[in-house]
N, C-alpha and C. Protein backbone atom coordinates (compact mmCIF):
# COMPACT_ATOMS: atom_id res chain seq x y z
N MET A 1 -10.77 44.50 -29.85
CA MET A 1 -10.28 44.13 -28.54
C MET A 1 -11.29 44.48 -27.46
N ILE A 2 -11.91 45.63 -27.59
CA ILE A 2 -12.90 46.04 -26.59
C ILE A 2 -14.11 45.12 -26.65
N ASP A 3 -14.48 44.67 -27.86
CA ASP A 3 -15.62 43.75 -27.98
C ASP A 3 -15.36 42.44 -27.26
N ILE A 4 -14.12 41.96 -27.31
CA ILE A 4 -13.78 40.72 -26.62
C ILE A 4 -13.92 40.91 -25.11
N CYS A 5 -13.48 42.03 -24.60
CA CYS A 5 -13.60 42.30 -23.16
C CYS A 5 -15.06 42.44 -22.75
N ILE A 6 -15.84 43.11 -23.57
CA ILE A 6 -17.26 43.29 -23.25
C ILE A 6 -17.98 41.94 -23.28
N ASP A 7 -17.66 41.11 -24.28
CA ASP A 7 -18.29 39.79 -24.34
C ASP A 7 -17.86 38.92 -23.16
N GLY A 8 -16.60 39.00 -22.79
CA GLY A 8 -16.13 38.24 -21.63
C GLY A 8 -16.81 38.68 -20.35
N ALA A 9 -16.96 39.98 -20.17
CA ALA A 9 -17.64 40.50 -18.99
C ALA A 9 -19.10 40.08 -18.99
N ARG A 10 -19.72 40.08 -20.15
CA ARG A 10 -21.12 39.66 -20.24
C ARG A 10 -21.28 38.19 -19.87
N VAL A 11 -20.35 37.35 -20.32
CA VAL A 11 -20.39 35.93 -19.99
C VAL A 11 -20.20 35.72 -18.49
N VAL A 12 -19.25 36.45 -17.90
CA VAL A 12 -19.00 36.32 -16.46
C VAL A 12 -20.22 36.75 -15.67
N MET A 13 -20.82 37.85 -16.05
CA MET A 13 -22.00 38.34 -15.32
C MET A 13 -23.18 37.38 -15.47
N GLU A 14 -23.33 36.77 -16.63
CA GLU A 14 -24.42 35.81 -16.83
C GLU A 14 -24.20 34.56 -15.97
N ARG A 15 -22.98 34.10 -15.89
CA ARG A 15 -22.69 32.94 -15.03
C ARG A 15 -22.88 33.28 -13.56
N TRP A 16 -22.50 34.49 -13.17
CA TRP A 16 -22.70 34.93 -11.79
C TRP A 16 -24.18 35.01 -11.47
N ARG A 17 -24.98 35.52 -12.40
CA ARG A 17 -26.42 35.62 -12.20
C ARG A 17 -27.04 34.22 -12.08
N GLN A 18 -26.59 33.29 -12.93
CA GLN A 18 -27.09 31.92 -12.85
C GLN A 18 -26.73 31.28 -11.51
N PHE A 19 -25.52 31.55 -11.02
CA PHE A 19 -25.13 31.01 -9.72
C PHE A 19 -25.99 31.58 -8.61
N LEU A 20 -26.26 32.88 -8.65
CA LEU A 20 -27.07 33.50 -7.59
C LEU A 20 -28.52 33.05 -7.64
N LEU A 21 -28.98 32.53 -8.75
CA LEU A 21 -30.35 32.01 -8.84
C LEU A 21 -30.44 30.53 -8.47
N SER A 22 -29.29 29.88 -8.30
CA SER A 22 -29.29 28.47 -7.89
C SER A 22 -29.56 28.38 -6.39
N PRO A 23 -29.96 27.20 -5.89
CA PRO A 23 -30.20 27.07 -4.44
C PRO A 23 -28.98 27.40 -3.58
N VAL A 24 -27.80 26.99 -4.01
CA VAL A 24 -26.59 27.29 -3.23
C VAL A 24 -26.33 28.80 -3.23
N GLY A 25 -26.51 29.43 -4.37
CA GLY A 25 -26.30 30.87 -4.46
C GLY A 25 -27.29 31.65 -3.60
N VAL A 26 -28.55 31.24 -3.63
CA VAL A 26 -29.56 31.90 -2.80
C VAL A 26 -29.23 31.71 -1.32
N TYR A 27 -28.82 30.52 -0.94
CA TYR A 27 -28.46 30.23 0.44
C TYR A 27 -27.28 31.10 0.89
N LEU A 28 -26.23 31.14 0.08
CA LEU A 28 -25.04 31.91 0.45
C LEU A 28 -25.33 33.41 0.47
N TYR A 29 -26.12 33.88 -0.49
CA TYR A 29 -26.48 35.30 -0.52
C TYR A 29 -27.30 35.67 0.72
N SER A 30 -28.24 34.83 1.08
CA SER A 30 -29.04 35.10 2.28
C SER A 30 -28.18 35.07 3.53
N LEU A 31 -27.29 34.12 3.62
CA LEU A 31 -26.41 34.02 4.77
C LEU A 31 -25.50 35.24 4.87
N LEU A 32 -24.96 35.68 3.75
CA LEU A 32 -24.07 36.83 3.74
C LEU A 32 -24.79 38.11 4.14
N THR A 33 -25.97 38.33 3.58
CA THR A 33 -26.70 39.56 3.92
C THR A 33 -27.16 39.55 5.37
N GLY A 34 -27.59 38.41 5.89
CA GLY A 34 -27.96 38.33 7.30
C GLY A 34 -26.78 38.57 8.23
N SER A 35 -25.63 38.02 7.88
CA SER A 35 -24.43 38.22 8.71
C SER A 35 -24.00 39.69 8.72
N ILE A 36 -24.02 40.31 7.55
CA ILE A 36 -23.64 41.72 7.47
C ILE A 36 -24.63 42.57 8.26
N GLY A 37 -25.92 42.24 8.19
CA GLY A 37 -26.92 42.99 8.94
C GLY A 37 -26.70 42.89 10.44
N ILE A 38 -26.37 41.70 10.92
CA ILE A 38 -26.12 41.53 12.36
C ILE A 38 -24.90 42.33 12.79
N VAL A 39 -23.84 42.26 12.01
CA VAL A 39 -22.61 42.97 12.38
C VAL A 39 -22.84 44.49 12.37
N ILE A 40 -23.54 44.99 11.36
CA ILE A 40 -23.79 46.44 11.29
C ILE A 40 -24.66 46.89 12.45
N LEU A 41 -25.74 46.17 12.73
CA LEU A 41 -26.61 46.57 13.84
C LEU A 41 -25.89 46.47 15.19
N MET A 42 -25.13 45.43 15.39
CA MET A 42 -24.41 45.28 16.65
C MET A 42 -23.37 46.39 16.82
N PHE A 43 -22.66 46.72 15.75
CA PHE A 43 -21.65 47.77 15.85
C PHE A 43 -22.31 49.12 16.11
N PHE A 44 -23.36 49.45 15.38
CA PHE A 44 -24.03 50.73 15.58
C PHE A 44 -24.62 50.83 16.98
N LEU A 45 -25.34 49.80 17.39
CA LEU A 45 -25.99 49.85 18.71
C LEU A 45 -24.99 49.80 19.85
N SER A 46 -23.80 49.23 19.62
CA SER A 46 -22.78 49.23 20.68
C SER A 46 -22.25 50.64 20.92
N LYS A 47 -22.34 51.51 19.93
CA LYS A 47 -21.90 52.89 20.11
C LYS A 47 -22.99 53.74 20.76
N VAL A 48 -24.24 53.32 20.66
CA VAL A 48 -25.36 54.10 21.16
C VAL A 48 -25.81 53.62 22.54
N LEU A 49 -25.85 52.30 22.73
CA LEU A 49 -26.39 51.72 23.96
C LEU A 49 -25.27 51.19 24.86
N SER A 50 -25.61 50.98 26.11
CA SER A 50 -24.65 50.35 27.01
C SER A 50 -24.58 48.85 26.69
N SER A 51 -23.56 48.20 27.20
CA SER A 51 -23.40 46.78 26.90
C SER A 51 -24.54 45.95 27.49
N GLY A 52 -25.03 46.33 28.65
CA GLY A 52 -26.14 45.59 29.26
C GLY A 52 -27.42 45.71 28.44
N ALA A 53 -27.70 46.90 27.96
CA ALA A 53 -28.90 47.10 27.14
C ALA A 53 -28.78 46.38 25.81
N LEU A 54 -27.59 46.40 25.23
CA LEU A 54 -27.40 45.73 23.94
C LEU A 54 -27.53 44.22 24.10
N LEU A 55 -27.05 43.68 25.20
CA LEU A 55 -27.16 42.24 25.40
C LEU A 55 -28.60 41.82 25.67
N LEU A 56 -29.42 42.73 26.20
CA LEU A 56 -30.85 42.43 26.33
C LEU A 56 -31.55 42.47 24.98
N LEU A 57 -31.11 43.34 24.09
CA LEU A 57 -31.70 43.45 22.74
C LEU A 57 -31.13 42.43 21.77
N TRP A 58 -30.06 41.75 22.14
CA TRP A 58 -29.35 40.85 21.24
C TRP A 58 -30.25 39.77 20.61
N PRO A 59 -31.11 39.08 21.35
CA PRO A 59 -31.98 38.10 20.69
C PRO A 59 -32.93 38.74 19.68
N GLY A 60 -33.37 39.95 19.95
CA GLY A 60 -34.24 40.64 18.99
C GLY A 60 -33.51 41.00 17.71
N ILE A 61 -32.25 41.40 17.83
CA ILE A 61 -31.44 41.71 16.65
C ILE A 61 -31.25 40.45 15.82
N ILE A 62 -30.94 39.36 16.49
CA ILE A 62 -30.76 38.08 15.79
C ILE A 62 -32.07 37.65 15.13
N ALA A 63 -33.18 37.75 15.83
CA ALA A 63 -34.47 37.33 15.28
C ALA A 63 -34.86 38.19 14.08
N PHE A 64 -34.64 39.49 14.16
CA PHE A 64 -34.98 40.38 13.06
C PHE A 64 -34.19 40.03 11.80
N ASN A 65 -32.89 39.86 11.95
CA ASN A 65 -32.06 39.53 10.78
C ASN A 65 -32.36 38.14 10.26
N CYS A 66 -32.66 37.21 11.14
CA CYS A 66 -33.01 35.86 10.68
C CYS A 66 -34.36 35.87 9.95
N ALA A 67 -35.30 36.68 10.42
CA ALA A 67 -36.59 36.77 9.73
C ALA A 67 -36.42 37.36 8.33
N SER A 68 -35.60 38.39 8.20
CA SER A 68 -35.37 38.95 6.87
C SER A 68 -34.60 37.98 5.98
N THR A 69 -33.71 37.20 6.57
CA THR A 69 -32.96 36.20 5.81
C THR A 69 -33.87 35.07 5.35
N GLY A 70 -34.72 34.56 6.24
CA GLY A 70 -35.66 33.51 5.86
C GLY A 70 -36.64 33.98 4.80
N TYR A 71 -37.11 35.21 4.94
CA TYR A 71 -38.02 35.78 3.95
C TYR A 71 -37.33 35.89 2.60
N GLY A 72 -36.12 36.43 2.60
CA GLY A 72 -35.39 36.59 1.34
C GLY A 72 -35.08 35.27 0.66
N MET A 73 -34.76 34.26 1.45
CA MET A 73 -34.40 32.97 0.86
C MET A 73 -35.62 32.32 0.20
N ILE A 74 -36.74 32.30 0.89
CA ILE A 74 -37.93 31.66 0.33
C ILE A 74 -38.55 32.53 -0.77
N ASN A 75 -38.43 33.84 -0.66
CA ASN A 75 -38.97 34.73 -1.67
C ASN A 75 -38.21 34.59 -2.99
N ARG A 76 -36.90 34.38 -2.93
CA ARG A 76 -36.11 34.25 -4.15
C ARG A 76 -36.28 32.88 -4.80
N LEU A 77 -36.42 31.85 -4.00
CA LEU A 77 -36.50 30.50 -4.55
C LEU A 77 -37.59 29.77 -3.78
N ARG A 78 -38.79 29.73 -4.35
CA ARG A 78 -39.95 29.20 -3.65
C ARG A 78 -39.86 27.71 -3.37
N SER A 79 -39.31 26.97 -4.28
CA SER A 79 -39.20 25.52 -4.08
C SER A 79 -37.78 25.17 -3.66
N PHE A 80 -37.37 25.71 -2.53
CA PHE A 80 -36.02 25.48 -2.02
C PHE A 80 -35.91 24.04 -1.55
N PRO A 81 -34.90 23.29 -2.03
CA PRO A 81 -34.77 21.90 -1.59
C PRO A 81 -34.34 21.83 -0.13
N LYS A 82 -35.05 21.02 0.64
CA LYS A 82 -34.78 20.83 2.07
C LYS A 82 -34.75 22.18 2.79
N ALA A 83 -35.84 22.91 2.65
CA ALA A 83 -35.92 24.27 3.20
C ALA A 83 -35.78 24.29 4.71
N ASN A 84 -36.35 23.32 5.41
CA ASN A 84 -36.28 23.32 6.87
C ASN A 84 -34.84 23.19 7.36
N ILE A 85 -34.07 22.32 6.72
CA ILE A 85 -32.66 22.15 7.10
C ILE A 85 -31.88 23.43 6.80
N ALA A 86 -32.16 24.04 5.66
CA ALA A 86 -31.47 25.28 5.29
C ALA A 86 -31.81 26.40 6.26
N LEU A 87 -33.08 26.50 6.66
CA LEU A 87 -33.48 27.56 7.59
C LEU A 87 -32.86 27.37 8.97
N VAL A 88 -32.81 26.14 9.45
CA VAL A 88 -32.20 25.89 10.76
C VAL A 88 -30.70 26.14 10.70
N SER A 89 -30.06 25.74 9.62
CA SER A 89 -28.61 25.97 9.53
C SER A 89 -28.30 27.46 9.42
N ILE A 90 -29.13 28.22 8.72
CA ILE A 90 -28.93 29.67 8.67
C ILE A 90 -29.12 30.26 10.06
N ALA A 91 -30.12 29.79 10.79
CA ALA A 91 -30.35 30.30 12.14
C ALA A 91 -29.15 30.04 13.04
N VAL A 92 -28.60 28.84 12.96
CA VAL A 92 -27.44 28.50 13.79
C VAL A 92 -26.23 29.34 13.39
N LEU A 93 -25.98 29.46 12.10
CA LEU A 93 -24.82 30.23 11.64
C LEU A 93 -24.95 31.71 11.98
N LEU A 94 -26.14 32.26 11.85
CA LEU A 94 -26.31 33.67 12.20
C LEU A 94 -26.22 33.89 13.71
N THR A 95 -26.62 32.90 14.49
CA THR A 95 -26.43 33.00 15.94
C THR A 95 -24.95 32.99 16.28
N ILE A 96 -24.19 32.17 15.60
CA ILE A 96 -22.74 32.14 15.82
C ILE A 96 -22.12 33.48 15.44
N VAL A 97 -22.58 34.07 14.34
CA VAL A 97 -22.09 35.40 13.95
C VAL A 97 -22.42 36.42 15.04
N GLY A 98 -23.62 36.33 15.60
CA GLY A 98 -24.00 37.22 16.68
C GLY A 98 -23.16 37.03 17.93
N ILE A 99 -22.88 35.79 18.29
CA ILE A 99 -22.05 35.52 19.47
C ILE A 99 -20.64 36.05 19.27
N VAL A 100 -20.09 35.84 18.08
CA VAL A 100 -18.74 36.34 17.79
C VAL A 100 -18.72 37.86 17.81
N SER A 101 -19.77 38.48 17.29
CA SER A 101 -19.80 39.95 17.30
C SER A 101 -19.89 40.50 18.73
N VAL A 102 -20.61 39.81 19.61
CA VAL A 102 -20.66 40.24 21.01
C VAL A 102 -19.28 40.13 21.64
N VAL A 103 -18.59 39.04 21.37
CA VAL A 103 -17.26 38.85 21.97
C VAL A 103 -16.26 39.85 21.41
N VAL A 104 -16.38 40.19 20.13
CA VAL A 104 -15.46 41.17 19.54
C VAL A 104 -15.75 42.57 20.09
N LEU A 105 -17.03 42.94 20.18
CA LEU A 105 -17.37 44.27 20.65
C LEU A 105 -17.19 44.42 22.16
N PHE A 106 -17.46 43.36 22.90
CA PHE A 106 -17.33 43.38 24.36
C PHE A 106 -16.42 42.23 24.78
N PRO A 107 -15.12 42.42 24.76
CA PRO A 107 -14.20 41.31 25.05
C PRO A 107 -14.32 40.77 26.47
N TRP A 108 -14.89 41.52 27.38
CA TRP A 108 -15.03 41.06 28.75
C TRP A 108 -16.20 40.09 28.92
N GLU A 109 -17.06 39.97 27.91
CA GLU A 109 -18.17 39.03 27.97
C GLU A 109 -17.66 37.62 27.65
N SER A 110 -18.26 36.63 28.29
CA SER A 110 -17.83 35.25 28.05
C SER A 110 -18.35 34.75 26.70
N LEU A 111 -17.58 33.89 26.08
CA LEU A 111 -17.94 33.37 24.77
C LEU A 111 -19.10 32.39 24.85
N PHE A 112 -19.10 31.55 25.87
CA PHE A 112 -20.12 30.51 25.99
C PHE A 112 -21.06 30.78 27.15
N ASP A 113 -21.81 31.84 27.06
CA ASP A 113 -22.87 32.11 28.02
C ASP A 113 -24.09 31.33 27.53
N TRP A 114 -24.45 30.28 28.25
CA TRP A 114 -25.48 29.35 27.77
C TRP A 114 -26.84 30.01 27.64
N VAL A 115 -27.15 30.94 28.51
CA VAL A 115 -28.44 31.63 28.41
C VAL A 115 -28.48 32.44 27.12
N ARG A 116 -27.38 33.12 26.81
CA ARG A 116 -27.31 33.90 25.58
C ARG A 116 -27.37 32.99 24.35
N CYS A 117 -26.67 31.88 24.40
CA CYS A 117 -26.67 30.97 23.25
C CYS A 117 -28.06 30.37 23.02
N VAL A 118 -28.71 29.93 24.07
CA VAL A 118 -30.03 29.31 23.93
C VAL A 118 -31.06 30.35 23.49
N SER A 119 -31.02 31.53 24.09
CA SER A 119 -31.98 32.56 23.68
C SER A 119 -31.73 33.00 22.25
N GLY A 120 -30.47 33.04 21.84
CA GLY A 120 -30.15 33.39 20.45
C GLY A 120 -30.63 32.34 19.47
N ILE A 121 -30.43 31.07 19.79
CA ILE A 121 -30.89 30.00 18.90
C ILE A 121 -32.41 29.98 18.79
N VAL A 122 -33.08 30.13 19.93
CA VAL A 122 -34.55 30.12 19.91
C VAL A 122 -35.07 31.30 19.09
N ALA A 123 -34.50 32.48 19.31
CA ALA A 123 -34.93 33.67 18.55
C ALA A 123 -34.61 33.52 17.07
N ALA A 124 -33.45 32.95 16.76
CA ALA A 124 -33.04 32.81 15.37
C ALA A 124 -33.92 31.80 14.62
N VAL A 125 -34.18 30.66 15.23
CA VAL A 125 -35.02 29.66 14.57
C VAL A 125 -36.44 30.19 14.40
N GLY A 126 -36.95 30.82 15.45
CA GLY A 126 -38.28 31.42 15.34
C GLY A 126 -38.34 32.50 14.27
N GLY A 127 -37.30 33.32 14.21
CA GLY A 127 -37.26 34.39 13.21
C GLY A 127 -37.17 33.87 11.79
N THR A 128 -36.33 32.88 11.54
CA THR A 128 -36.20 32.37 10.17
C THR A 128 -37.48 31.70 9.70
N PHE A 129 -38.09 30.92 10.57
CA PHE A 129 -39.33 30.27 10.16
C PHE A 129 -40.47 31.27 10.01
N PHE A 130 -40.48 32.31 10.83
CA PHE A 130 -41.50 33.35 10.69
C PHE A 130 -41.32 34.10 9.37
N GLY A 131 -40.08 34.44 9.04
CA GLY A 131 -39.82 35.13 7.78
C GLY A 131 -40.16 34.27 6.57
N SER A 132 -39.85 32.99 6.63
CA SER A 132 -40.19 32.10 5.50
C SER A 132 -41.69 31.89 5.41
N TRP A 133 -42.37 31.87 6.55
CA TRP A 133 -43.83 31.74 6.55
C TRP A 133 -44.47 32.96 5.89
N ILE A 134 -43.95 34.14 6.21
CA ILE A 134 -44.48 35.36 5.59
C ILE A 134 -44.25 35.34 4.08
N ALA A 135 -43.08 34.89 3.64
CA ALA A 135 -42.79 34.82 2.20
C ALA A 135 -43.73 33.83 1.51
N ALA A 136 -44.00 32.69 2.15
CA ALA A 136 -44.91 31.71 1.56
C ALA A 136 -46.33 32.26 1.50
N LYS A 137 -46.75 32.96 2.54
CA LYS A 137 -48.09 33.56 2.53
C LYS A 137 -48.20 34.64 1.47
N LYS A 138 -47.15 35.42 1.29
CA LYS A 138 -47.15 36.46 0.26
C LYS A 138 -47.28 35.82 -1.13
N TYR A 139 -46.56 34.75 -1.34
CA TYR A 139 -46.63 34.06 -2.63
C TYR A 139 -48.02 33.48 -2.85
N ALA A 140 -48.61 32.88 -1.83
CA ALA A 140 -49.96 32.31 -1.96
C ALA A 140 -50.98 33.42 -2.18
N LEU A 141 -50.81 34.55 -1.54
CA LEU A 141 -51.71 35.68 -1.72
C LEU A 141 -51.61 36.23 -3.14
N ASN A 142 -50.40 36.32 -3.66
CA ASN A 142 -50.23 36.79 -5.03
C ASN A 142 -50.84 35.82 -6.03
N LEU A 143 -50.78 34.52 -5.75
CA LEU A 143 -51.41 33.55 -6.63
C LEU A 143 -52.94 33.71 -6.62
N ASN A 144 -53.49 33.94 -5.43
CA ASN A 144 -54.94 34.11 -5.32
C ASN A 144 -55.41 35.39 -6.01
N ILE A 145 -54.61 36.43 -5.93
CA ILE A 145 -54.99 37.70 -6.57
C ILE A 145 -54.95 37.55 -8.08
N THR A 146 -53.91 36.91 -8.61
CA THR A 146 -53.82 36.76 -10.07
C THR A 146 -54.84 35.75 -10.60
N ASP A 147 -55.20 34.75 -9.80
CA ASP A 147 -56.21 33.80 -10.25
C ASP A 147 -57.61 34.41 -10.23
N GLY A 148 -57.85 35.41 -9.38
CA GLY A 148 -59.17 36.00 -9.27
C GLY A 148 -59.50 36.93 -10.43
N ASP A 149 -58.50 37.40 -11.15
CA ASP A 149 -58.76 38.34 -12.25
C ASP A 149 -59.29 37.67 -13.48
């Protein structure tokens, strides 16, 4: 009986691993980790900084998490199908997560502050493409190092 449970768990874990290595799995994993990073940083910094200071740092928080998300996505799956569309959609979704976290942490702030939305989108798109560019350069550098030996 225990062998059946162990084999079943092994099959489930193998299917889960295969899903996480697929393009959809990599996309969702990157989106989830970026969202959690934004929420954790926003919550922590809201306890340490004033609301005005946090709102000034908000595009930087979004850009940092988007850069790590873009890097992670391209690093895990180098030949990501339609990578530009995926990177822009991650940037938009992570900006929405950031906007919602600002509204939850500071309910007196308006939901649709256009300056905040535009600065968040610009920082997010720039961050995701910068992170993916670094991942591509790292991969090319590793290819050059292994080819030189």
